[in-house]
Amino acid sequence: MNLTLHPAAITAALLAIVLGLAGCGASYVNPNIIDQSQAKQRLAQDKELCKAEANNAVPPTYALDRFEFDPTIEAQAGRYVANVVEDDANQDAYTRCMHNRGWRYRK
C-alpha cells in the first residue's frame, strides 16, 4: 500500500494544527480583582485604553506603508526589520500599560 499526501492535504493539516494552537496563548489576569465578571469588564476596558496608549506612543503604519517596492533584497530586508522593530515597540508599550494597570500574564 503506497500512501502519498497531496500538497493540499498537507496544507490543510498544518492549518488545522496552527489554528488549534492559536487558542493556547497566554491571557491576562489581575490578582487585585476578585469578581470574575468585573475582571472581564475591566480587562476589555484596559485593553482598549492600552491599545490607544501604545498607538500614541508608537504610531503603527498601515497598508502600503508597510511594503517596500524596491525589489532588491537589501530594501526588502530593511523594510522587514523596520516593521518588526515597530511592531515590537508597539507591543512593549501595550504590555507595559497593561502591567501598570495590574494585569499579569497567566499561561
PDB file of N, CA and C in Angstrom:
ATOM      1  N   MET A   1       0.841  -1.177   0.000  1.00  0.00           N
ATOM      2  CA  MET A   1       0.000   0.000   0.000  1.00  0.00           C
ATOM      3  C   MET A   1       0.889   1.243   0.000  1.00  0.00           C
ATOM      4  N   ASN A   2       0.699   2.097  -0.969  1.00  0.00           N
ATOM      5  CA  ASN A   2       1.511   3.295  -1.124  1.00  0.00           C
ATOM      6  C   ASN A   2       0.661   4.515  -0.771  1.00  0.00           C
ATOM      7  N   LEU A   3       0.994   5.170   0.333  1.00  0.00           N
ATOM      8  CA  LEU A   3       0.271   6.368   0.749  1.00  0.00           C
ATOM      9  C   LEU A   3       1.045   7.601   0.306  1.00  0.00           C
ATOM     10  N   THR A   4       0.391   8.442  -0.438  1.00  0.00           N
ATOM     11  CA  THR A   4       1.003   9.711  -0.816  1.00  0.00           C
ATOM     12  C   THR A   4       0.089  10.828  -0.364  1.00  0.00           C
ATOM     13  N   LEU A   5       0.677  11.864   0.161  1.00  0.00           N
ATOM     14  CA  LEU A   5      -0.087  13.016   0.609  1.00  0.00           C
ATOM     15  C   LEU A   5       0.008  14.118  -0.432  1.00  0.00           C
ATOM     16  N   HIS A   6      -1.107  14.645  -0.767  1.00  0.00           N
ATOM     17  CA  HIS A   6      -1.143  15.753  -1.704  1.00  0.00           C
ATOM     18  C   HIS A   6      -0.774  17.044  -0.977  1.00  0.00           C
ATOM     19  N   PRO A   7      -0.193  17.998  -1.670  1.00  0.00           N
ATOM     20  CA  PRO A   7       0.172  19.267  -1.021  1.00  0.00           C
ATOM     21  C   PRO A   7      -1.021  19.950  -0.356  1.00  0.00           C
ATOM     22  N   ALA A   8      -2.197  19.837  -0.940  1.00  0.00           N
ATOM     23  CA  ALA A   8      -3.379  20.451  -0.345  1.00  0.00           C
ATOM     24  C   ALA A   8      -3.721  19.790   0.990  1.00  0.00           C
ATOM     25  N   ALA A   9      -3.532  18.486   1.094  1.00  0.00           N
ATOM     26  CA  ALA A   9      -3.806  17.779   2.339  1.00  0.00           C
ATOM     27  C   ALA A   9      -2.808  18.182   3.420  1.00  0.00           C
ATOM     28  N   ILE A  10      -1.561  18.339   3.022  1.00  0.00           N
ATOM     29  CA  ILE A  10      -0.532  18.755   3.970  1.00  0.00           C
ATOM     30  C   ILE A  10      -0.835  20.171   4.461  1.00  0.00           C
ATOM     31  N   THR A  11      -1.187  21.051   3.549  1.00  0.00           N
ATOM     32  CA  THR A  11      -1.524  22.427   3.907  1.00  0.00           C
ATOM     33  C   THR A  11      -2.708  22.467   4.851  1.00  0.00           C
ATOM     34  N   ALA A  12      -3.747  21.686   4.575  1.00  0.00           N
ATOM     35  CA  ALA A  12      -4.939  21.653   5.431  1.00  0.00           C
ATOM     36  C   ALA A  12      -4.591  21.137   6.822  1.00  0.00           C
ATOM     37  N   ALA A  13      -3.741  20.127   6.901  1.00  0.00           N
ATOM     38  CA  ALA A  13      -3.355  19.582   8.203  1.00  0.00           C
ATOM     39  C   ALA A  13      -2.547  20.599   9.004  1.00  0.00           C
ATOM     40  N   LEU A  14      -1.620  21.279   8.359  1.00  0.00           N
ATOM     41  CA  LEU A  14      -0.829  22.299   9.045  1.00  0.00           C
ATOM     42  C   LEU A  14      -1.696  23.461   9.507  1.00  0.00           C
ATOM     43  N   LEU A  15      -2.648  23.862   8.691  1.00  0.00           N
ATOM     44  CA  LEU A  15      -3.556  24.941   9.063  1.00  0.00           C
ATOM     45  C   LEU A  15      -4.387  24.553  10.275  1.00  0.00           C
ATOM     46  N   ALA A  16      -4.862  23.323  10.323  1.00  0.00           N
ATOM     47  CA  ALA A  16      -5.648  22.846  11.460  1.00  0.00           C
ATOM     48  C   ALA A  16      -4.814  22.857  12.740  1.00  0.00           C
ATOM     49  N   ILE A  17      -3.553  22.477  12.638  1.00  0.00           N
ATOM     50  CA  ILE A  17      -2.674  22.472  13.805  1.00  0.00           C
ATOM     51  C   ILE A  17      -2.427  23.899  14.296  1.00  0.00           C
ATOM     52  N   VAL A  18      -2.140  24.797  13.364  1.00  0.00           N
ATOM     53  CA  VAL A  18      -1.868  26.193  13.738  1.00  0.00           C
ATOM     54  C   VAL A  18      -3.101  26.817  14.389  1.00  0.00           C
ATOM     55  N   LEU A  19      -4.272  26.602  13.806  1.00  0.00           N
ATOM     56  CA  LEU A  19      -5.489  27.166  14.385  1.00  0.00           C
ATOM     57  C   LEU A  19      -5.797  26.548  15.744  1.00  0.00           C
ATOM     58  N   GLY A  20      -5.487  25.290  15.904  1.00  0.00           N
ATOM     59  CA  GLY A  20      -5.706  24.637  17.185  1.00  0.00           C
ATOM     60  C   GLY A  20      -4.809  25.192  18.275  1.00  0.00           C
ATOM     61  N   LEU A  21      -3.582  25.511  17.912  1.00  0.00           N
ATOM     62  CA  LEU A  21      -2.638  26.055  18.889  1.00  0.00           C
ATOM     63  C   LEU A  21      -2.855  27.542  19.153  1.00  0.00           C
ATOM     64  N   ALA A  22      -3.562  28.218  18.270  1.00  0.00           N
ATOM     65  CA  ALA A  22      -3.770  29.661  18.433  1.00  0.00           C
ATOM     66  C   ALA A  22      -4.538  29.978  19.710  1.00  0.00           C
ATOM     67  N   GLY A  23      -5.403  29.098  20.134  1.00  0.00           N
ATOM     68  CA  GLY A  23      -6.175  29.327  21.350  1.00  0.00           C
ATOM     69  C   GLY A  23      -5.409  29.012  22.617  1.00  0.00           C
ATOM     70  N   CYS A  24      -4.181  28.587  22.512  1.00  0.00           N
ATOM     71  CA  CYS A  24      -3.399  28.173  23.678  1.00  0.00           C
ATOM     72  C   CYS A  24      -2.495  29.283  24.200  1.00  0.00           C
ATOM     73  N   GLY A  25      -2.704  30.496  23.770  1.00  0.00           N
ATOM     74  CA  GLY A  25      -1.838  31.590  24.166  1.00  0.00           C
ATOM     75  C   GLY A  25      -2.086  32.047  25.593  1.00  0.00           C
ATOM     76  N   ALA A  26      -1.218  32.922  26.049  1.00  0.00           N
ATOM     77  CA  ALA A  26      -1.339  33.455  27.399  1.00  0.00           C
ATOM     78  C   ALA A  26      -2.503  34.430  27.475  1.00  0.00           C
ATOM     79  N   SER A  27      -3.051  34.581  28.661  1.00  0.00           N
ATOM     80  CA  SER A  27      -4.113  35.554  28.872  1.00  0.00           C
ATOM     81  C   SER A  27      -3.747  36.396  30.088  1.00  0.00           C
ATOM     82  N   TYR A  28      -4.439  37.489  30.231  1.00  0.00           N
ATOM     83  CA  TYR A  28      -4.169  38.386  31.350  1.00  0.00           C
ATOM     84  C   TYR A  28      -5.047  38.045  32.542  1.00  0.00           C
ATOM     85  N   VAL A  29      -4.486  38.237  33.723  1.00  0.00           N
ATOM     86  CA  VAL A  29      -5.218  38.077  34.975  1.00  0.00           C
ATOM     87  C   VAL A  29      -4.784  39.208  35.905  1.00  0.00           C
ATOM     88  N   ASN A  30      -5.738  39.730  36.656  1.00  0.00           N
ATOM     89  CA  ASN A  30      -5.437  40.796  37.614  1.00  0.00           C
ATOM     90  C   ASN A  30      -5.725  40.255  39.006  1.00  0.00           C
ATOM     91  N   PRO A  31      -4.689  39.982  39.801  1.00  0.00           N
ATOM     92  CA  PRO A  31      -4.912  39.397  41.131  1.00  0.00           C
ATOM     93  C   PRO A  31      -5.628  40.338  42.092  1.00  0.00           C
ATOM     94  N   ASN A  32      -5.737  41.619  41.751  1.00  0.00           N
ATOM     95  CA  ASN A  32      -6.409  42.587  42.620  1.00  0.00           C
ATOM     96  C   ASN A  32      -7.920  42.595  42.438  1.00  0.00           C
ATOM     97  N   ILE A  33      -8.431  41.947  41.399  1.00  0.00           N
ATOM     98  CA  ILE A  33      -9.869  41.918  41.137  1.00  0.00           C
ATOM     99  C   ILE A  33     -10.381  40.511  41.411  1.00  0.00           C
ATOM    100  N   ILE A  34     -11.265  40.384  42.384  1.00  0.00           N
ATOM    101  CA  ILE A  34     -11.772  39.078  42.796  1.00  0.00           C
ATOM    102  C   ILE A  34     -12.958  38.647  41.940  1.00  0.00           C
ATOM    103  N   ASP A  35     -13.894  39.545  41.700  1.00  0.00           N
ATOM    104  CA  ASP A  35     -15.117  39.231  40.951  1.00  0.00           C
ATOM    105  C   ASP A  35     -14.783  39.023  39.469  1.00  0.00           C
ATOM    106  N   GLN A  36     -15.056  37.826  38.943  1.00  0.00           N
ATOM    107  CA  GLN A  36     -14.701  37.484  37.568  1.00  0.00           C
ATOM    108  C   GLN A  36     -15.446  38.334  36.540  1.00  0.00           C
ATOM    109  N   SER A  37     -16.713  38.659  36.792  1.00  0.00           N
ATOM    110  CA  SER A  37     -17.449  39.480  35.826  1.00  0.00           C
ATOM    111  C   SER A  37     -16.882  40.895  35.788  1.00  0.00           C
ATOM    112  N   GLN A  38     -16.484  41.399  36.935  1.00  0.00           N
ATOM    113  CA  GLN A  38     -15.862  42.724  36.987  1.00  0.00           C
ATOM    114  C   GLN A  38     -14.496  42.682  36.309  1.00  0.00           C
ATOM    115  N   ALA A  39     -13.761  41.599  36.517  1.00  0.00           N
ATOM    116  CA  ALA A  39     -12.440  41.464  35.896  1.00  0.00           C
ATOM    117  C   ALA A  39     -12.563  41.416  34.376  1.00  0.00           C
ATOM    118  N   LYS A  40     -13.564  40.703  33.880  1.00  0.00           N
ATOM    119  CA  LYS A  40     -13.758  40.601  32.429  1.00  0.00           C
ATOM    120  C   LYS A  40     -14.081  41.969  31.828  1.00  0.00           C
ATOM    121  N   GLN A  41     -14.949  42.715  32.497  1.00  0.00           N
ATOM    122  CA  GLN A  41     -15.314  44.051  32.012  1.00  0.00           C
ATOM    123  C   GLN A  41     -14.118  44.995  32.071  1.00  0.00           C
ATOM    124  N   ARG A  42     -13.385  44.958  33.170  1.00  0.00           N
ATOM    125  CA  ARG A  42     -12.226  45.832  33.333  1.00  0.00           C
ATOM    126  C   ARG A  42     -11.125  45.470  32.328  1.00  0.00           C
ATOM    127  N   LEU A  43     -10.961  44.171  32.050  1.00  0.00           N
ATOM    128  CA  LEU A  43      -9.954  43.741  31.079  1.00  0.00           C
ATOM    129  C   LEU A  43     -10.255  44.324  29.706  1.00  0.00           C
ATOM    130  N   ALA A  44     -11.511  44.260  29.296  1.00  0.00           N
ATOM    131  CA  ALA A  44     -11.897  44.814  27.995  1.00  0.00           C
ATOM    132  C   ALA A  44     -11.610  46.313  27.939  1.00  0.00           C
ATOM    133  N   GLN A  45     -11.933  47.027  29.003  1.00  0.00           N
ATOM    134  CA  GLN A  45     -11.690  48.472  29.042  1.00  0.00           C
ATOM    135  C   GLN A  45     -10.192  48.774  29.000  1.00  0.00           C
ATOM    136  N   ASP A  46      -9.429  48.046  29.810  1.00  0.00           N
ATOM    137  CA  ASP A  46      -7.987  48.295  29.874  1.00  0.00           C
ATOM    138  C   ASP A  46      -7.289  47.923  28.573  1.00  0.00           C
ATOM    139  N   LYS A  47      -7.754  46.875  27.906  1.00  0.00           N
ATOM    140  CA  LYS A  47      -7.160  46.509  26.611  1.00  0.00           C
ATOM    141  C   LYS A  47      -7.348  47.637  25.602  1.00  0.00           C
ATOM    142  N   GLU A  48      -8.537  48.197  25.536  1.00  0.00           N
ATOM    143  CA  GLU A  48      -8.787  49.305  24.602  1.00  0.00           C
ATOM    144  C   GLU A  48      -7.959  50.529  24.968  1.00  0.00           C
ATOM    145  N   LEU A  49      -7.909  50.859  26.248  1.00  0.00           N
ATOM    146  CA  LEU A  49      -7.136  52.014  26.693  1.00  0.00           C
ATOM    147  C   LEU A  49      -5.656  51.824  26.388  1.00  0.00           C
ATOM    148  N   CYS A  50      -5.136  50.633  26.671  1.00  0.00           N
ATOM    149  CA  CYS A  50      -3.711  50.370  26.441  1.00  0.00           C
ATOM    150  C   CYS A  50      -3.387  50.295  24.953  1.00  0.00           C
ATOM    151  N   LYS A  51      -4.322  49.814  24.171  1.00  0.00           N
ATOM    152  CA  LYS A  51      -4.108  49.801  22.714  1.00  0.00           C
ATOM    153  C   LYS A  51      -3.971  51.235  22.199  1.00  0.00           C
ATOM    154  N   ALA A  52      -4.854  52.118  22.666  1.00  0.00           N
ATOM    155  CA  ALA A  52      -4.789  53.527  22.254  1.00  0.00           C
ATOM    156  C   ALA A  52      -3.494  54.175  22.746  1.00  0.00           C
ATOM    157  N   GLU A  53      -3.107  53.868  23.980  1.00  0.00           N
ATOM    158  CA  GLU A  53      -1.874  54.436  24.536  1.00  0.00           C
ATOM    159  C   GLU A  53      -0.647  53.955  23.756  1.00  0.00           C
ATOM    160  N   ALA A  54      -0.624  52.668  23.419  1.00  0.00           N
ATOM    161  CA  ALA A  54       0.500  52.119  22.654  1.00  0.00           C
ATOM    162  C   ALA A  54       0.557  52.729  21.256  1.00  0.00           C
ATOM    163  N   ASN A  55      -0.604  52.915  20.633  1.00  0.00           N
ATOM    164  CA  ASN A  55      -0.638  53.509  19.295  1.00  0.00           C
ATOM    165  C   ASN A  55      -0.235  54.975  19.316  1.00  0.00           C
ATOM    166  N   ASN A  56      -0.463  55.669  20.434  1.00  0.00           N
ATOM    167  CA  ASN A  56       0.013  57.047  20.561  1.00  0.00           C
ATOM    168  C   ASN A  56       1.519  57.085  20.777  1.00  0.00           C
ATOM    169  N   ALA A  57       2.029  56.140  21.561  1.00  0.00           N
ATOM    170  CA  ALA A  57       3.466  56.106  21.842  1.00  0.00           C
ATOM    171  C   ALA A  57       4.265  55.672  20.615  1.00  0.00           C
ATOM    172  N   VAL A  58       3.756  54.662  19.902  1.00  0.00           N
ATOM    173  CA  VAL A  58       4.427  54.142  18.704  1.00  0.00           C
ATOM    174  C   VAL A  58       3.361  54.022  17.618  1.00  0.00           C
ATOM    175  N   PRO A  59       3.128  55.107  16.864  1.00  0.00           N
ATOM    176  CA  PRO A  59       2.069  55.055  15.847  1.00  0.00           C
ATOM    177  C   PRO A  59       2.346  53.961  14.805  1.00  0.00           C
ATOM    178  N   PRO A  60       1.398  53.049  14.639  1.00  0.00           N
ATOM    179  CA  PRO A  60       1.606  51.971  13.669  1.00  0.00           C
ATOM    180  C   PRO A  60       1.412  52.460  12.237  1.00  0.00           C
ATOM    181  N   THR A  61       2.121  51.827  11.324  1.00  0.00           N
ATOM    182  CA  THR A  61       1.911  52.107   9.908  1.00  0.00           C
ATOM    183  C   THR A  61       0.959  51.058   9.355  1.00  0.00           C
ATOM    184  N   TYR A  62       0.227  51.427   8.337  1.00  0.00           N
ATOM    185  CA  TYR A  62      -0.781  50.542   7.774  1.00  0.00           C
ATOM    186  C   TYR A  62      -0.630  50.441   6.261  1.00  0.00           C
ATOM    187  N   ALA A  63      -1.261  49.443   5.723  1.00  0.00           N
ATOM    188  CA  ALA A  63      -1.434  49.252   4.279  1.00  0.00           C
ATOM    189  C   ALA A  63      -0.112  49.294   3.530  1.00  0.00           C
ATOM    190  N   LEU A  64      -0.054  50.097   2.486  1.00  0.00           N
ATOM    191  CA  LEU A  64       1.111  50.099   1.606  1.00  0.00           C
ATOM    192  C   LEU A  64       2.366  50.672   2.252  1.00  0.00           C
ATOM    193  N   ASP A  65       2.197  51.405   3.358  1.00  0.00           N
ATOM    194  CA  ASP A  65       3.375  51.941   4.048  1.00  0.00           C
ATOM    195  C   ASP A  65       4.223  50.836   4.664  1.00  0.00           C
ATOM    196  N   ARG A  66       3.671  49.646   4.817  1.00  0.00           N
ATOM    197  CA  ARG A  66       4.421  48.530   5.392  1.00  0.00           C
ATOM    198  C   ARG A  66       5.178  47.736   4.326  1.00  0.00           C
ATOM    199  N   PHE A  67       5.031  48.109   3.062  1.00  0.00           N
ATOM    200  CA  PHE A  67       5.666  47.382   1.965  1.00  0.00           C
ATOM    201  C   PHE A  67       6.779  48.198   1.342  1.00  0.00           C
ATOM    202  N   GLU A  68       7.733  47.493   0.787  1.00  0.00           N
ATOM    203  CA  GLU A  68       8.840  48.121   0.078  1.00  0.00           C
ATOM    204  C   GLU A  68       8.713  47.741  -1.393  1.00  0.00           C
ATOM    205  N   PHE A  69       8.702  48.742  -2.257  1.00  0.00           N
ATOM    206  CA  PHE A  69       8.517  48.481  -3.674  1.00  0.00           C
ATOM    207  C   PHE A  69       9.833  48.333  -4.433  1.00  0.00           C
ATOM    208  N   ASP A  70      10.935  48.638  -3.750  1.00  0.00           N
ATOM    209  CA  ASP A  70      12.254  48.387  -4.325  1.00  0.00           C
ATOM    210  C   ASP A  70      12.498  46.876  -4.228  1.00  0.00           C
ATOM    211  N   PRO A  71      12.716  46.188  -5.353  1.00  0.00           N
ATOM    212  CA  PRO A  71      12.810  44.731  -5.317  1.00  0.00           C
ATOM    213  C   PRO A  71      14.136  44.168  -4.802  1.00  0.00           C
ATOM    214  N   THR A  72      15.096  45.019  -4.469  1.00  0.00           N
ATOM    215  CA  THR A  72      16.384  44.492  -4.013  1.00  0.00           C
ATOM    216  C   THR A  72      16.229  43.843  -2.641  1.00  0.00           C
ATOM    217  N   ILE A  73      17.052  42.852  -2.387  1.00  0.00           N
ATOM    218  CA  ILE A  73      16.987  42.127  -1.127  1.00  0.00           C
ATOM    219  C   ILE A  73      17.308  43.044   0.050  1.00  0.00           C
ATOM    220  N   GLU A  74      18.194  43.994  -0.163  1.00  0.00           N
ATOM    221  CA  GLU A  74      18.552  44.917   0.910  1.00  0.00           C
ATOM    222  C   GLU A  74      17.363  45.773   1.316  1.00  0.00           C
ATOM    223  N   ALA A  75      16.643  46.294   0.323  1.00  0.00           N
ATOM    224  CA  ALA A  75      15.477  47.133   0.608  1.00  0.00           C
ATOM    225  C   ALA A  75      14.369  46.324   1.270  1.00  0.00           C
ATOM    226  N   GLN A  76      14.150  45.114   0.770  1.00  0.00           N
ATOM    227  CA  GLN A  76      13.114  44.254   1.350  1.00  0.00           C
ATOM    228  C   GLN A  76      13.464  43.892   2.796  1.00  0.00           C
ATOM    229  N   ALA A  77      14.716  43.549   3.029  1.00  0.00           N
ATOM    230  CA  ALA A  77      15.148  43.191   4.386  1.00  0.00           C
ATOM    231  C   ALA A  77      15.049  44.399   5.317  1.00  0.00           C
ATOM    232  N   GLY A  78      15.429  45.556   4.817  1.00  0.00           N
ATOM    233  CA  GLY A  78      15.331  46.774   5.629  1.00  0.00           C
ATOM    234  C   GLY A  78      13.904  47.084   6.034  1.00  0.00           C
ATOM    235  N   ARG A  79      12.970  46.931   5.106  1.00  0.00           N
ATOM    236  CA  ARG A  79      11.563  47.183   5.410  1.00  0.00           C
ATOM    237  C   ARG A  79      11.044  46.157   6.419  1.00  0.00           C
ATOM    238  N   TYR A  80      11.435  44.896   6.231  1.00  0.00           N
ATOM    239  CA  TYR A  80      11.013  43.839   7.149  1.00  0.00           C
ATOM    240  C   TYR A  80      11.490  44.137   8.572  1.00  0.00           C
ATOM    241  N   VAL A  81      12.759  44.484   8.702  1.00  0.00           N
ATOM    242  CA  VAL A  81      13.316  44.785  10.024  1.00  0.00           C
ATOM    243  C   VAL A  81      12.620  45.998  10.632  1.00  0.00           C
ATOM    244  N   ALA A  82      12.364  47.024   9.837  1.00  0.00           N
ATOM    245  CA  ALA A  82      11.678  48.214  10.344  1.00  0.00           C
ATOM    246  C   ALA A  82      10.278  47.862  10.846  1.00  0.00           C
ATOM    247  N   ASN A  83       9.569  47.008  10.126  1.00  0.00           N
ATOM    248  CA  ASN A  83       8.228  46.597  10.554  1.00  0.00           C
ATOM    249  C   ASN A  83       8.279  45.808  11.855  1.00  0.00           C
ATOM    250  N   VAL A  84       9.254  44.911  11.978  1.00  0.00           N
ATOM    251  CA  VAL A  84       9.381  44.102  13.197  1.00  0.00           C
ATOM    252  C   VAL A  84       9.715  44.994  14.390  1.00  0.00           C
ATOM    253  N   VAL A  85      10.633  45.927  14.208  1.00  0.00           N
ATOM    254  CA  VAL A  85      11.018  46.839  15.295  1.00  0.00           C
ATOM    255  C   VAL A  85       9.808  47.668  15.728  1.00  0.00           C
ATOM    256  N   GLU A  86       9.053  48.174  14.770  1.00  0.00           N
ATOM    257  CA  GLU A  86       7.860  48.968  15.093  1.00  0.00           C
ATOM    258  C   GLU A  86       6.827  48.125  15.838  1.00  0.00           C
ATOM    259  N   ASP A  87       6.571  46.922  15.353  1.00  0.00           N
ATOM    260  CA  ASP A  87       5.589  46.051  15.997  1.00  0.00           C
ATOM    261  C   ASP A  87       6.016  45.685  17.417  1.00  0.00           C
ATOM    262  N   ASP A  88       7.304  45.395  17.599  1.00  0.00           N
ATOM    263  CA  ASP A  88       7.802  45.058  18.933  1.00  0.00           C
ATOM    264  C   ASP A  88       7.691  46.244  19.893  1.00  0.00           C
ATOM    265  N   ALA A  89       8.020  47.432  19.429  1.00  0.00           N
ATOM    266  CA  ALA A  89       7.934  48.620  20.276  1.00  0.00           C
ATOM    267  C   ALA A  89       6.481  48.900  20.657  1.00  0.00           C
ATOM    268  N   ASN A  90       5.563  48.727  19.710  1.00  0.00           N
ATOM    269  CA  ASN A  90       4.145  48.932  19.989  1.00  0.00           C
ATOM    270  C   ASN A  90       3.662  47.902  21.010  1.00  0.00           C
ATOM    271  N   GLN A  91       4.051  46.642  20.831  1.00  0.00           N
ATOM    272  CA  GLN A  91       3.651  45.583  21.769  1.00  0.00           C
ATOM    273  C   GLN A  91       4.244  45.814  23.151  1.00  0.00           C
ATOM    274  N   ASP A  92       5.482  46.288  23.210  1.00  0.00           N
ATOM    275  CA  ASP A  92       6.112  46.595  24.500  1.00  0.00           C
ATOM    276  C   ASP A  92       5.355  47.700  25.228  1.00  0.00           C
ATOM    277  N   ALA A  93       4.939  48.743  24.501  1.00  0.00           N
ATOM    278  CA  ALA A  93       4.173  49.835  25.107  1.00  0.00           C
ATOM    279  C   ALA A  93       2.832  49.316  25.625  1.00  0.00           C
ATOM    280  N   TYR A  94       2.192  48.444  24.868  1.00  0.00           N
ATOM    281  CA  TYR A  94       0.905  47.856  25.278  1.00  0.00           C
ATOM    282  C   TYR A  94       1.084  47.006  26.538  1.00  0.00           C
ATOM    283  N   THR A  95       2.091  46.154  26.540  1.00  0.00           N
ATOM    284  CA  THR A  95       2.337  45.277  27.686  1.00  0.00           C
ATOM    285  C   THR A  95       2.684  46.087  28.931  1.00  0.00           C
ATOM    286  N   ARG A  96       3.483  47.118  28.776  1.00  0.00           N
ATOM    287  CA  ARG A  96       3.844  47.980  29.897  1.00  0.00           C
ATOM    288  C   ARG A  96       2.598  48.653  30.480  1.00  0.00           C
ATOM    289  N   CYS A  97       1.708  49.115  29.619  1.00  0.00           N
ATOM    290  CA  CYS A  97       0.466  49.743  30.076  1.00  0.00           C
ATOM    291  C   CYS A  97      -0.388  48.744  30.854  1.00  0.00           C
ATOM    292  N   MET A  98      -0.537  47.528  30.314  1.00  0.00           N
ATOM    293  CA  MET A  98      -1.341  46.507  30.997  1.00  0.00           C
ATOM    294  C   MET A  98      -0.719  46.152  32.349  1.00  0.00           C
ATOM    295  N   HIS A  99       0.601  46.053  32.374  1.00  0.00           N
ATOM    296  CA  HIS A  99       1.299  45.745  33.616  1.00  0.00           C
ATOM    297  C   HIS A  99       1.080  46.857  34.649  1.00  0.00           C
ATOM    298  N   ASN A 100       1.147  48.110  34.209  1.00  0.00           N
ATOM    299  CA  ASN A 100       0.931  49.244  35.106  1.00  0.00           C
ATOM    300  C   ASN A 100      -0.488  49.278  35.657  1.00  0.00           C
ATOM    301  N   ARG A 101      -1.438  48.672  34.959  1.00  0.00           N
ATOM    302  CA  ARG A 101      -2.825  48.621  35.420  1.00  0.00           C
ATOM    303  C   ARG A 101      -3.112  47.381  36.262  1.00  0.00           C
ATOM    304  N   GLY A 102      -2.063  46.604  36.567  1.00  0.00           N
ATOM    305  CA  GLY A 102      -2.212  45.468  37.458  1.00  0.00           C
ATOM    306  C   GLY A 102      -2.397  44.120  36.786  1.00  0.00           C
ATOM    307  N   TRP A 103      -2.350  44.082  35.459  1.00  0.00           N
ATOM    308  CA  TRP A 103      -2.567  42.821  34.738  1.00  0.00           C
ATOM    309  C   TRP A 103      -1.256  42.077  34.569  1.00  0.00           C
ATOM    310  N   ARG A 104      -1.321  40.752  34.729  1.00  0.00           N
ATOM    311  CA  ARG A 104      -0.168  39.882  34.575  1.00  0.00           C
ATOM    312  C   ARG A 104      -0.550  38.754  33.634  1.00  0.00           C
ATOM    313  N   TYR A 105       0.446  38.156  32.991  1.00  0.00           N
ATOM    314  CA  TYR A 105       0.209  37.007  32.112  1.00  0.00           C
ATOM    315  C   TYR A 105      -0.102  35.765  32.944  1.00  0.00           C
ATOM    316  N   ARG A 106      -1.085  35.029  32.500  1.00  0.00           N
ATOM    317  CA  ARG A 106      -1.351  33.705  33.066  1.00  0.00           C
ATOM    318  C   ARG A 106      -1.275  32.737  31.916  1.00  0.00           C
ATOM    319  N   LYS A 107      -0.429  31.746  32.029  1.00  0.00           N
ATOM    320  CA  LYS A 107      -0.247  30.789  30.941  1.00  0.00           C
ATOM    321  C   LYS A 107      -1.084  29.566  31.162  1.00  0.00           C
TER     322      LYS A 107
END
